[in-house]
């Protein structure tokens, strides 16, 4: 940020740099939760850094809240325009997979709100509801800041968050979360059945009303509508497995939960996240859009 800086600016940037590393996961985290895309969140994070580096922050008493607010405002603008892109998206839209745990290259605050299931739920919220919910319920920002981001009154911001909270709670109640141990057991059994083409084994692991969603985005061959029924899903899985012939299927943490990563010819071919209830797979979500896998 060298030449042309006013006196004291380089010292401010150096000080900000130390603080920035501490708050960067929150900045990236709010953008990812709002947008559902790793590349978009990285762009927002870079925008926030440039904005912070060029701003006078002497009177900012809570830098984390200031940075998160800037990230939310920029994400909100993108989110509103993204609605049109979602409506014209080819086939089912799923969030861009975010590696967490030991495989993560991007530090992020991990909780259930970065899981694929939760991001899909939040996708059903309106942009203002999503912003209010994420900023208040996940990041603990006061409603005065949220009202400024959304350009609404404080009671209006509080009402948006409350409405979003009720909708999220209702969706979560209908899709309870499996324990870590249960998820690991089911995914390991599914991988074994998939690798051997064991149709009966896959059927036993799938709920009779299981739903299979594939996000190809028009960039890869994928079903453009959900496939319903455990037996039908298992049949499709076996057929696709024979066509793909993956070199390796890894159990990897994605969005804070264990998922399946399929690799072929040295690259990630798909990232699959599952919803599990009572030991059975109720929803199987597969991202094969190469634009959403290029960062992996």
C-alpha atoms as a PDB file:
ATOM      1  CA  UNK A   1       0.000   0.000   0.000  1.00  0.00           C
ATOM      2  CA  UNK A   2       3.261   1.964  -0.258  1.00  0.00           C
ATOM      3  CA  UNK A   3       3.616   5.188  -2.211  1.00  0.00           C
ATOM      4  CA  UNK A   4       1.364   8.166  -1.684  1.00  0.00           C
ATOM      5  CA  UNK A   5       0.209   7.193   1.798  1.00  0.00           C
ATOM      6  CA  UNK A   6      -0.428   9.989   4.243  1.00  0.00           C
ATOM      7  CA  UNK A   7       1.682  10.067   7.406  1.00  0.00           C
ATOM      8  CA  UNK A   8       0.596   7.376   9.812  1.00  0.00           C
ATOM      9  CA  UNK A   9      -1.225   5.344   7.183  1.00  0.00           C
ATOM     10  CA  UNK A  10       1.431   2.603   6.975  1.00  0.00           C
ATOM     11  CA  UNK A  11       1.411   2.277  10.766  1.00  0.00           C
ATOM     12  CA  UNK A  12      -2.386   1.920  10.674  1.00  0.00           C
ATOM     13  CA  UNK A  13      -2.185  -0.737   7.968  1.00  0.00           C
ATOM     14  CA  UNK A  14       0.439  -2.661   9.980  1.00  0.00           C
ATOM     15  CA  UNK A  15      -1.773  -2.540  13.063  1.00  0.00           C
ATOM     16  CA  UNK A  16      -4.820  -3.537  11.042  1.00  0.00           C
ATOM     17  CA  UNK A  17      -2.899  -6.446   9.533  1.00  0.00           C
ATOM     18  CA  UNK A  18      -2.358  -8.013  12.941  1.00  0.00           C
ATOM     19  CA  UNK A  19      -6.022  -7.585  13.855  1.00  0.00           C
ATOM     20  CA  UNK A  20      -7.174  -8.649  10.412  1.00  0.00           C
ATOM     21  CA  UNK A  21      -5.797 -12.175  10.783  1.00  0.00           C
ATOM     22  CA  UNK A  22      -7.834 -12.550  13.964  1.00  0.00           C
ATOM     23  CA  UNK A  23     -11.088 -11.339  12.414  1.00  0.00           C
ATOM     24  CA  UNK A  24     -10.715 -12.672   8.874  1.00  0.00           C
ATOM     25  CA  UNK A  25     -12.520 -15.977   9.628  1.00  0.00           C
ATOM     26  CA  UNK A  26     -15.552 -13.975  10.785  1.00  0.00           C
ATOM     27  CA  UNK A  27     -15.471 -11.783   7.656  1.00  0.00           C
ATOM     28  CA  UNK A  28     -15.218 -14.798   5.357  1.00  0.00           C
ATOM     29  CA  UNK A  29     -17.735 -16.680   7.485  1.00  0.00           C
ATOM     30  CA  UNK A  30     -20.510 -14.107   7.258  1.00  0.00           C
ATOM     31  CA  UNK A  31     -20.019 -13.776   3.489  1.00  0.00           C
ATOM     32  CA  UNK A  32     -20.079 -17.553   2.947  1.00  0.00           C
ATOM     33  CA  UNK A  33     -23.197 -18.017   5.073  1.00  0.00           C
ATOM     34  CA  UNK A  34     -24.999 -15.272   3.178  1.00  0.00           C
ATOM     35  CA  UNK A  35     -23.886 -16.215  -0.334  1.00  0.00           C
ATOM     36  CA  UNK A  36     -23.281 -19.964  -0.217  1.00  0.00           C
ATOM     37  CA  UNK A  37     -20.214 -19.641  -2.443  1.00  0.00           C
ATOM     38  CA  UNK A  38     -16.525 -19.878  -1.588  1.00  0.00           C
ATOM     39  CA  UNK A  39     -15.359 -17.711  -4.504  1.00  0.00           C
ATOM     40  CA  UNK A  40     -17.949 -15.021  -3.739  1.00  0.00           C
ATOM     41  CA  UNK A  41     -16.994 -15.051  -0.064  1.00  0.00           C
ATOM     42  CA  UNK A  42     -13.312 -14.692  -0.941  1.00  0.00           C
ATOM     43  CA  UNK A  43     -14.119 -11.713  -3.174  1.00  0.00           C
ATOM     44  CA  UNK A  44     -16.105 -10.063  -0.406  1.00  0.00           C
ATOM     45  CA  UNK A  45     -13.287 -10.720   2.072  1.00  0.00           C
ATOM     46  CA  UNK A  46     -10.802  -9.012  -0.236  1.00  0.00           C
ATOM     47  CA  UNK A  47     -13.187  -6.057  -0.698  1.00  0.00           C
ATOM     48  CA  UNK A  48     -13.510  -5.698   3.079  1.00  0.00           C
ATOM     49  CA  UNK A  49      -9.729  -5.715   3.526  1.00  0.00           C
ATOM     50  CA  UNK A  50      -9.283  -2.976   0.919  1.00  0.00           C
ATOM     51  CA  UNK A  51     -12.071  -0.936   2.484  1.00  0.00           C
ATOM     52  CA  UNK A  52     -10.564  -1.310   5.956  1.00  0.00           C
ATOM     53  CA  UNK A  53      -7.019  -0.530   4.781  1.00  0.00           C
ATOM     54  CA  UNK A  54      -8.221   2.733   3.230  1.00  0.00           C
ATOM     55  CA  UNK A  55     -10.492   3.828   6.083  1.00  0.00           C
ATOM     56  CA  UNK A  56      -9.829   5.876   9.190  1.00  0.00           C
ATOM     57  CA  UNK A  57     -10.513   3.370  11.944  1.00  0.00           C
ATOM     58  CA  UNK A  58      -9.394   5.441  14.917  1.00  0.00           C
ATOM     59  CA  UNK A  59     -12.947   5.935  16.135  1.00  0.00           C
ATOM     60  CA  UNK A  60     -14.004   2.308  15.577  1.00  0.00           C
ATOM     61  CA  UNK A  61     -14.448   0.799  19.025  1.00  0.00           C
ATOM     62  CA  UNK A  62     -15.406  -2.725  17.852  1.00  0.00           C
ATOM     63  CA  UNK A  63     -13.355  -3.688  14.808  1.00  0.00           C
ATOM     64  CA  UNK A  64     -14.864  -7.162  14.474  1.00  0.00           C
ATOM     65  CA  UNK A  65     -18.399  -5.769  14.357  1.00  0.00           C
ATOM     66  CA  UNK A  66     -17.311  -3.075  11.870  1.00  0.00           C
ATOM     67  CA  UNK A  67     -15.664  -5.627   9.554  1.00  0.00           C
ATOM     68  CA  UNK A  68     -18.581  -8.059   9.750  1.00  0.00           C
ATOM     69  CA  UNK A  69     -21.021  -5.217   9.037  1.00  0.00           C
ATOM     70  CA  UNK A  70     -19.065  -4.138   5.951  1.00  0.00           C
ATOM     71  CA  UNK A  71     -18.951  -7.751   4.743  1.00  0.00           C
ATOM     72  CA  UNK A  72     -22.684  -8.157   5.331  1.00  0.00           C
ATOM     73  CA  UNK A  73     -23.534  -4.963   3.438  1.00  0.00           C
ATOM     74  CA  UNK A  74     -21.478  -6.045   0.421  1.00  0.00           C
ATOM     75  CA  UNK A  75     -22.881  -9.601   0.597  1.00  0.00           C
ATOM     76  CA  UNK A  76     -26.434  -8.252   0.818  1.00  0.00           C
ATOM     77  CA  UNK A  77     -25.950  -6.343  -2.436  1.00  0.00           C
ATOM     78  CA  UNK A  78     -24.664  -9.507  -4.125  1.00  0.00           C
ATOM     79  CA  UNK A  79     -27.388 -11.654  -2.576  1.00  0.00           C
ATOM     80  CA  UNK A  80     -30.142  -9.491  -4.010  1.00  0.00           C
ATOM     81  CA  UNK A  81     -28.709  -9.731  -7.521  1.00  0.00           C
ATOM     82  CA  UNK A  82     -27.997 -13.457  -7.053  1.00  0.00           C
ATOM     83  CA  UNK A  83     -31.716 -14.138  -6.714  1.00  0.00           C
ATOM     84  CA  UNK A  84     -32.132 -13.727 -10.445  1.00  0.00           C
ATOM     85  CA  UNK A  85     -29.185 -16.023 -11.144  1.00  0.00           C
ATOM     86  CA  UNK A  86     -30.682 -18.684  -8.831  1.00  0.00           C
ATOM     87  CA  UNK A  87     -33.994 -18.513 -10.711  1.00  0.00           C
ATOM     88  CA  UNK A  88     -32.261 -19.105 -14.038  1.00  0.00           C
ATOM     89  CA  UNK A  89     -29.824 -21.741 -12.698  1.00  0.00           C
ATOM     90  CA  UNK A  90     -29.872 -25.020 -14.628  1.00  0.00           C
ATOM     91  CA  UNK A  91     -31.149 -27.771 -12.322  1.00  0.00           C
ATOM     92  CA  UNK A  92     -31.010 -27.807  -8.509  1.00  0.00           C
ATOM     93  CA  UNK A  93     -28.772 -25.194  -6.869  1.00  0.00           C
ATOM     94  CA  UNK A  94     -26.577 -26.346  -3.977  1.00  0.00           C
ATOM     95  CA  UNK A  95     -24.035 -24.388  -1.916  1.00  0.00           C
ATOM     96  CA  UNK A  96     -20.402 -24.447  -2.969  1.00  0.00           C
ATOM     97  CA  UNK A  97     -18.617 -27.039  -0.777  1.00  0.00           C
ATOM     98  CA  UNK A  98     -16.448 -25.559   1.967  1.00  0.00           C
ATOM     99  CA  UNK A  99     -13.763 -27.821   3.395  1.00  0.00           C
ATOM    100  CA  UNK A 100     -13.457 -27.523   7.166  1.00  0.00           C
ATOM    101  CA  UNK A 101     -11.460 -29.386   9.774  1.00  0.00           C
ATOM    102  CA  UNK A 102      -7.904 -30.557   9.005  1.00  0.00           C
ATOM    103  CA  UNK A 103      -8.458 -30.339   5.218  1.00  0.00           C
ATOM    104  CA  UNK A 104      -9.430 -26.653   5.281  1.00  0.00           C
ATOM    105  CA  UNK A 105      -7.299 -24.112   3.454  1.00  0.00           C
ATOM    106  CA  UNK A 106      -9.598 -21.246   4.459  1.00  0.00           C
ATOM    107  CA  UNK A 107     -10.029 -20.491   8.188  1.00  0.00           C
ATOM    108  CA  UNK A 108     -13.715 -20.150   9.029  1.00  0.00           C
ATOM    109  CA  UNK A 109     -15.873 -20.140  12.128  1.00  0.00           C
ATOM    110  CA  UNK A 110     -17.536 -23.564  12.051  1.00  0.00           C
ATOM    111  CA  UNK A 111     -20.991 -24.293  13.430  1.00  0.00           C
ATOM    112  CA  UNK A 112     -24.163 -25.826  12.029  1.00  0.00           C
ATOM    113  CA  UNK A 113     -24.876 -22.699   9.969  1.00  0.00           C
ATOM    114  CA  UNK A 114     -22.133 -23.643   7.463  1.00  0.00           C
ATOM    115  CA  UNK A 115     -23.546 -27.133   6.879  1.00  0.00           C
ATOM    116  CA  UNK A 116     -25.059 -27.834   3.477  1.00  0.00           C
ATOM    117  CA  UNK A 117     -28.429 -28.646   5.036  1.00  0.00           C
ATOM    118  CA  UNK A 118     -28.521 -25.325   6.908  1.00  0.00           C
ATOM    119  CA  UNK A 119     -27.414 -23.305   3.877  1.00  0.00           C
ATOM    120  CA  UNK A 120     -30.182 -24.944   1.837  1.00  0.00           C
ATOM    121  CA  UNK A 121     -32.682 -23.951   4.529  1.00  0.00           C
ATOM    122  CA  UNK A 122     -31.410 -20.366   4.558  1.00  0.00           C
ATOM    123  CA  UNK A 123     -31.677 -20.247   0.771  1.00  0.00           C
ATOM    124  CA  UNK A 124     -35.447 -20.313   1.273  1.00  0.00           C
ATOM    125  CA  UNK A 125     -35.319 -17.098   3.318  1.00  0.00           C
ATOM    126  CA  UNK A 126     -35.646 -13.698   1.717  1.00  0.00           C
ATOM    127  CA  UNK A 127     -32.332 -11.782   1.477  1.00  0.00           C
ATOM    128  CA  UNK A 128     -33.260  -9.426   4.379  1.00  0.00           C
ATOM    129  CA  UNK A 129     -34.331 -12.380   6.557  1.00  0.00           C
ATOM    130  CA  UNK A 130     -31.127 -14.226   5.820  1.00  0.00           C
ATOM    131  CA  UNK A 131     -28.965 -11.219   6.662  1.00  0.00           C
ATOM    132  CA  UNK A 132     -30.850 -10.509   9.890  1.00  0.00           C
ATOM    133  CA  UNK A 133     -30.677 -14.139  10.998  1.00  0.00           C
ATOM    134  CA  UNK A 134     -26.980 -14.619  10.232  1.00  0.00           C
ATOM    135  CA  UNK A 135     -25.855 -11.317  11.731  1.00  0.00           C
ATOM    136  CA  UNK A 136     -27.880 -11.645  14.923  1.00  0.00           C
ATOM    137  CA  UNK A 137     -28.229 -15.359  15.641  1.00  0.00           C
ATOM    138  CA  UNK A 138     -24.819 -16.470  14.355  1.00  0.00           C
ATOM    139  CA  UNK A 139     -22.560 -13.434  14.854  1.00  0.00           C
ATOM    140  CA  UNK A 140     -24.378 -11.686  17.700  1.00  0.00           C
ATOM    141  CA  UNK A 141     -24.566  -8.221  16.149  1.00  0.00           C
ATOM    142  CA  UNK A 142     -26.964  -5.739  17.680  1.00  0.00           C
ATOM    143  CA  UNK A 143     -30.109  -4.851  15.763  1.00  0.00           C
ATOM    144  CA  UNK A 144     -29.010  -1.246  15.297  1.00  0.00           C
ATOM    145  CA  UNK A 145     -26.180  -2.376  13.008  1.00  0.00           C
ATOM    146  CA  UNK A 146     -28.432  -4.863  11.232  1.00  0.00           C
ATOM    147  CA  UNK A 147     -31.013  -2.139  10.619  1.00  0.00           C
ATOM    148  CA  UNK A 148     -28.315   0.024   9.001  1.00  0.00           C
ATOM    149  CA  UNK A 149     -27.276  -2.807   6.663  1.00  0.00           C
ATOM    150  CA  UNK A 150     -30.870  -3.512   5.602  1.00  0.00           C
ATOM    151  CA  UNK A 151     -32.026   0.118   5.649  1.00  0.00           C
ATOM    152  CA  UNK A 152     -34.946  -0.704   7.937  1.00  0.00           C
ATOM    153  CA  UNK A 153     -35.986   0.317  11.437  1.00  0.00           C
ATOM    154  CA  UNK A 154     -34.623  -1.492  14.477  1.00  0.00           C
ATOM    155  CA  UNK A 155     -38.024  -3.110  15.166  1.00  0.00           C
ATOM    156  CA  UNK A 156     -38.129  -4.103  11.503  1.00  0.00           C
ATOM    157  CA  UNK A 157     -34.711  -5.781  11.753  1.00  0.00           C
ATOM    158  CA  UNK A 158     -35.812  -7.575  14.912  1.00  0.00           C
ATOM    159  CA  UNK A 159     -38.961  -8.798  13.183  1.00  0.00           C
ATOM    160  CA  UNK A 160     -36.987 -10.083  10.180  1.00  0.00           C
ATOM    161  CA  UNK A 161     -34.664 -12.063  12.442  1.00  0.00           C
ATOM    162  CA  UNK A 162     -37.584 -13.483  14.411  1.00  0.00           C
ATOM    163  CA  UNK A 163     -39.423 -14.555  11.275  1.00  0.00           C
ATOM    164  CA  UNK A 164     -36.261 -16.182   9.884  1.00  0.00           C
ATOM    165  CA  UNK A 165     -35.614 -17.937  13.192  1.00  0.00           C
ATOM    166  CA  UNK A 166     -39.076 -19.504  13.183  1.00  0.00           C
ATOM    167  CA  UNK A 167     -38.697 -20.720   9.598  1.00  0.00           C
ATOM    168  CA  UNK A 168     -35.242 -22.174  10.281  1.00  0.00           C
ATOM    169  CA  UNK A 169     -36.443 -23.900  13.471  1.00  0.00           C
ATOM    170  CA  UNK A 170     -39.399 -25.441  11.627  1.00  0.00           C
ATOM    171  CA  UNK A 171     -37.148 -26.763   8.844  1.00  0.00           C
ATOM    172  CA  UNK A 172     -34.595 -28.137  11.318  1.00  0.00           C
ATOM    173  CA  UNK A 173     -37.339 -29.876  13.302  1.00  0.00           C
ATOM    174  CA  UNK A 174     -38.457 -31.739  10.172  1.00  0.00           C
ATOM    175  CA  UNK A 175     -34.858 -32.785   9.408  1.00  0.00           C
ATOM    176  CA  UNK A 176     -33.109 -33.721  12.682  1.00  0.00           C
ATOM    177  CA  UNK A 177     -29.312 -33.882  12.637  1.00  0.00           C
ATOM    178  CA  UNK A 178     -27.560 -37.215  12.982  1.00  0.00           C
ATOM    179  CA  UNK A 179     -24.799 -37.672  15.543  1.00  0.00           C
ATOM    180  CA  UNK A 180     -21.189 -37.634  14.382  1.00  0.00           C
ATOM    181  CA  UNK A 181     -20.820 -41.351  15.140  1.00  0.00           C
ATOM    182  CA  UNK A 182     -23.986 -42.254  13.231  1.00  0.00           C
ATOM    183  CA  UNK A 183     -22.942 -40.146  10.261  1.00  0.00           C
ATOM    184  CA  UNK A 184     -19.507 -41.762  10.157  1.00  0.00           C
ATOM    185  CA  UNK A 185     -21.016 -45.252  10.309  1.00  0.00           C
ATOM    186  CA  UNK A 186     -23.571 -44.604   7.548  1.00  0.00           C
ATOM    187  CA  UNK A 187     -21.080 -42.882   5.233  1.00  0.00           C
ATOM    188  CA  UNK A 188     -18.519 -45.660   5.651  1.00  0.00           C
ATOM    189  CA  UNK A 189     -21.168 -48.290   4.885  1.00  0.00           C
ATOM    190  CA  UNK A 190     -22.426 -46.282   1.914  1.00  0.00           C
ATOM    191  CA  UNK A 191     -18.923 -45.906   0.503  1.00  0.00           C
ATOM    192  CA  UNK A 192     -18.325 -49.658   0.777  1.00  0.00           C
ATOM    193  CA  UNK A 193     -21.616 -50.468  -0.974  1.00  0.00           C
ATOM    194  CA  UNK A 194     -21.008 -47.846  -3.668  1.00  0.00           C
ATOM    195  CA  UNK A 195     -17.492 -49.074  -4.423  1.00  0.00           C
ATOM    196  CA  UNK A 196     -18.681 -52.646  -4.920  1.00  0.00           C
ATOM    197  CA  UNK A 197     -21.875 -51.737  -6.786  1.00  0.00           C
ATOM    198  CA  UNK A 198     -23.951 -53.405  -4.057  1.00  0.00           C
ATOM    199  CA  UNK A 199     -27.485 -52.356  -5.012  1.00  0.00           C
ATOM    200  CA  UNK A 200     -29.164 -54.169  -2.113  1.00  0.00           C
ATOM    201  CA  UNK A 201     -26.660 -52.630   0.322  1.00  0.00           C
ATOM    202  CA  UNK A 202     -27.419 -49.126  -0.950  1.00  0.00           C
ATOM    203  CA  UNK A 203     -31.176 -49.712  -0.727  1.00  0.00           C
ATOM    204  CA  UNK A 204     -30.787 -50.760   2.917  1.00  0.00           C
ATOM    205  CA  UNK A 205     -29.019 -47.476   3.694  1.00  0.00           C
ATOM    206  CA  UNK A 206     -31.531 -45.247   1.903  1.00  0.00           C
ATOM    207  CA  UNK A 207     -34.855 -44.178   3.374  1.00  0.00           C
ATOM    208  CA  UNK A 208     -37.778 -45.413   1.218  1.00  0.00           C
ATOM    209  CA  UNK A 209     -38.634 -41.747   0.518  1.00  0.00           C
ATOM    210  CA  UNK A 210     -35.029 -40.616  -0.003  1.00  0.00           C
ATOM    211  CA  UNK A 211     -34.354 -37.671  -2.327  1.00  0.00           C
ATOM    212  CA  UNK A 212     -31.312 -37.379  -4.600  1.00  0.00           C
ATOM    213  CA  UNK A 213     -30.221 -33.922  -5.828  1.00  0.00           C
ATOM    214  CA  UNK A 214     -27.390 -33.227  -8.271  1.00  0.00           C
ATOM    215  CA  UNK A 215     -25.987 -29.767  -8.956  1.00  0.00           C
ATOM    216  CA  UNK A 216     -24.344 -29.677 -12.375  1.00  0.00           C
ATOM    217  CA  UNK A 217     -25.335 -26.112 -13.196  1.00  0.00           C
ATOM    218  CA  UNK A 218     -25.423 -26.914 -16.898  1.00  0.00           C
ATOM    219  CA  UNK A 219     -21.640 -27.481 -16.761  1.00  0.00           C
ATOM    220  CA  UNK A 220     -21.753 -31.234 -16.148  1.00  0.00           C
ATOM    221  CA  UNK A 221     -24.183 -34.022 -16.943  1.00  0.00           C
ATOM    222  CA  UNK A 222     -26.639 -34.175 -14.048  1.00  0.00           C
ATOM    223  CA  UNK A 223     -30.307 -34.814 -13.338  1.00  0.00           C
ATOM    224  CA  UNK A 224     -32.176 -31.512 -13.630  1.00  0.00           C
ATOM    225  CA  UNK A 225     -34.924 -32.630 -11.262  1.00  0.00           C
ATOM    226  CA  UNK A 226     -34.782 -34.383  -7.877  1.00  0.00           C
ATOM    227  CA  UNK A 227     -34.982 -38.177  -7.951  1.00  0.00           C
ATOM    228  CA  UNK A 228     -37.324 -39.679  -5.358  1.00  0.00           C
ATOM    229  CA  UNK A 229     -37.480 -43.093  -3.717  1.00  0.00           C
ATOM    230  CA  UNK A 230     -34.769 -45.189  -2.101  1.00  0.00           C
ATOM    231  CA  UNK A 231     -34.756 -47.977  -4.680  1.00  0.00           C
ATOM    232  CA  UNK A 232     -34.756 -45.549  -7.606  1.00  0.00           C
ATOM    233  CA  UNK A 233     -31.912 -43.522  -6.039  1.00  0.00           C
ATOM    234  CA  UNK A 234     -29.878 -46.695  -5.431  1.00  0.00           C
ATOM    235  CA  UNK A 235     -30.339 -47.764  -9.049  1.00  0.00           C
ATOM    236  CA  UNK A 236     -29.135 -44.382 -10.287  1.00  0.00           C
ATOM    237  CA  UNK A 237     -26.174 -44.518  -7.910  1.00  0.00           C
ATOM    238  CA  UNK A 238     -25.067 -47.928  -9.179  1.00  0.00           C
ATOM    239  CA  UNK A 239     -25.418 -46.855 -12.809  1.00  0.00           C
ATOM    240  CA  UNK A 240     -23.511 -43.625 -12.268  1.00  0.00           C
ATOM    241  CA  UNK A 241     -20.828 -45.476 -10.287  1.00  0.00           C
ATOM    242  CA  UNK A 242     -20.195 -47.783 -13.233  1.00  0.00           C
ATOM    243  CA  UNK A 243     -19.911 -44.804 -15.585  1.00  0.00           C
ATOM    244  CA  UNK A 244     -17.701 -42.664 -13.311  1.00  0.00           C
ATOM    245  CA  UNK A 245     -15.392 -45.357 -11.963  1.00  0.00           C
ATOM    246  CA  UNK A 246     -13.856 -43.063  -9.320  1.00  0.00           C
ATOM    247  CA  UNK A 247     -10.247 -43.669  -8.367  1.00  0.00           C
ATOM    248  CA  UNK A 248     -10.913 -42.840  -4.725  1.00  0.00           C
ATOM    249  CA  UNK A 249     -13.746 -41.916  -2.392  1.00  0.00           C
ATOM    250  CA  UNK A 250     -12.628 -40.012   0.697  1.00  0.00           C
ATOM    251  CA  UNK A 251     -14.452 -39.156   3.907  1.00  0.00           C
ATOM    252  CA  UNK A 252     -13.809 -35.425   4.357  1.00  0.00           C
ATOM    253  CA  UNK A 253     -15.281 -32.731   6.599  1.00  0.00           C
ATOM    254  CA  UNK A 254     -17.386 -30.298   4.564  1.00  0.00           C
ATOM    255  CA  UNK A 255     -19.285 -27.492   6.268  1.00  0.00           C
ATOM    256  CA  UNK A 256     -18.519 -28.961   9.672  1.00  0.00           C
ATOM    257  CA  UNK A 257     -19.925 -32.409   8.806  1.00  0.00           C
ATOM    258  CA  UNK A 258     -18.481 -35.573   7.336  1.00  0.00           C
ATOM    259  CA  UNK A 259     -19.063 -35.870   3.580  1.00  0.00           C
ATOM    260  CA  UNK A 260     -17.905 -37.928   0.595  1.00  0.00           C
ATOM    261  CA  UNK A 261     -15.393 -36.574  -1.911  1.00  0.00           C
ATOM    262  CA  UNK A 262     -15.101 -38.494  -5.188  1.00  0.00           C
ATOM    263  CA  UNK A 263     -11.805 -38.210  -7.082  1.00  0.00           C
ATOM    264  CA  UNK A 264     -10.986 -39.314 -10.595  1.00  0.00           C
ATOM    265  CA  UNK A 265      -7.843 -38.814 -12.635  1.00  0.00           C
ATOM    266  CA  UNK A 266      -6.283 -36.628  -9.963  1.00  0.00           C
ATOM    267  CA  UNK A 267      -9.143 -34.178  -9.493  1.00  0.00           C
ATOM    268  CA  UNK A 268     -12.267 -33.813  -7.394  1.00  0.00           C
ATOM    269  CA  UNK A 269     -15.230 -35.002  -9.413  1.00  0.00           C
ATOM    270  CA  UNK A 270     -18.002 -34.536  -6.858  1.00  0.00           C
ATOM    271  CA  UNK A 271     -18.653 -33.577  -3.256  1.00  0.00           C
ATOM    272  CA  UNK A 272     -21.606 -35.352  -1.670  1.00  0.00           C
ATOM    273  CA  UNK A 273     -23.348 -34.292   1.536  1.00  0.00           C
ATOM    274  CA  UNK A 274     -26.021 -36.398   3.214  1.00  0.00           C
ATOM    275  CA  UNK A 275     -28.894 -35.899   5.610  1.00  0.00           C
ATOM    276  CA  UNK A 276     -29.395 -38.889   7.882  1.00  0.00           C
ATOM    277  CA  UNK A 277     -32.239 -39.792  10.241  1.00  0.00           C
ATOM    278  CA  UNK A 278     -32.556 -42.989  12.286  1.00  0.00           C
ATOM    279  CA  UNK A 279     -29.602 -44.524  10.480  1.00  0.00           C
ATOM    280  CA  UNK A 280     -31.035 -43.968   6.987  1.00  0.00           C
ATOM    281  CA  UNK A 281     -30.125 -41.445   4.294  1.00  0.00           C
ATOM    282  CA  UNK A 282     -33.097 -39.143   3.718  1.00  0.00           C
ATOM    283  CA  UNK A 283     -31.454 -36.621   1.366  1.00  0.00           C
ATOM    284  CA  UNK A 284     -28.377 -37.111  -0.815  1.00  0.00           C
ATOM    285  CA  UNK A 285     -26.906 -33.928  -2.324  1.00  0.00           C
ATOM    286  CA  UNK A 286     -24.186 -34.164  -4.986  1.00  0.00           C
ATOM    287  CA  UNK A 287     -22.247 -31.163  -6.350  1.00  0.00           C
ATOM    288  CA  UNK A 288     -20.595 -31.905  -9.703  1.00  0.00           C
ATOM    289  CA  UNK A 289     -20.586 -28.398 -11.174  1.00  0.00           C
ATOM    290  CA  UNK A 290     -16.840 -27.971 -11.925  1.00  0.00           C
ATOM    291  CA  UNK A 291     -17.085 -24.232 -11.215  1.00  0.00           C
ATOM    292  CA  UNK A 292     -17.986 -25.096  -7.622  1.00  0.00           C
ATOM    293  CA  UNK A 293     -15.161 -27.617  -7.239  1.00  0.00           C
ATOM    294  CA  UNK A 294     -12.233 -25.752  -8.784  1.00  0.00           C
ATOM    295  CA  UNK A 295     -11.010 -24.474  -5.382  1.00  0.00           C
ATOM    296  CA  UNK A 296     -10.678 -27.991  -3.948  1.00  0.00           C
END
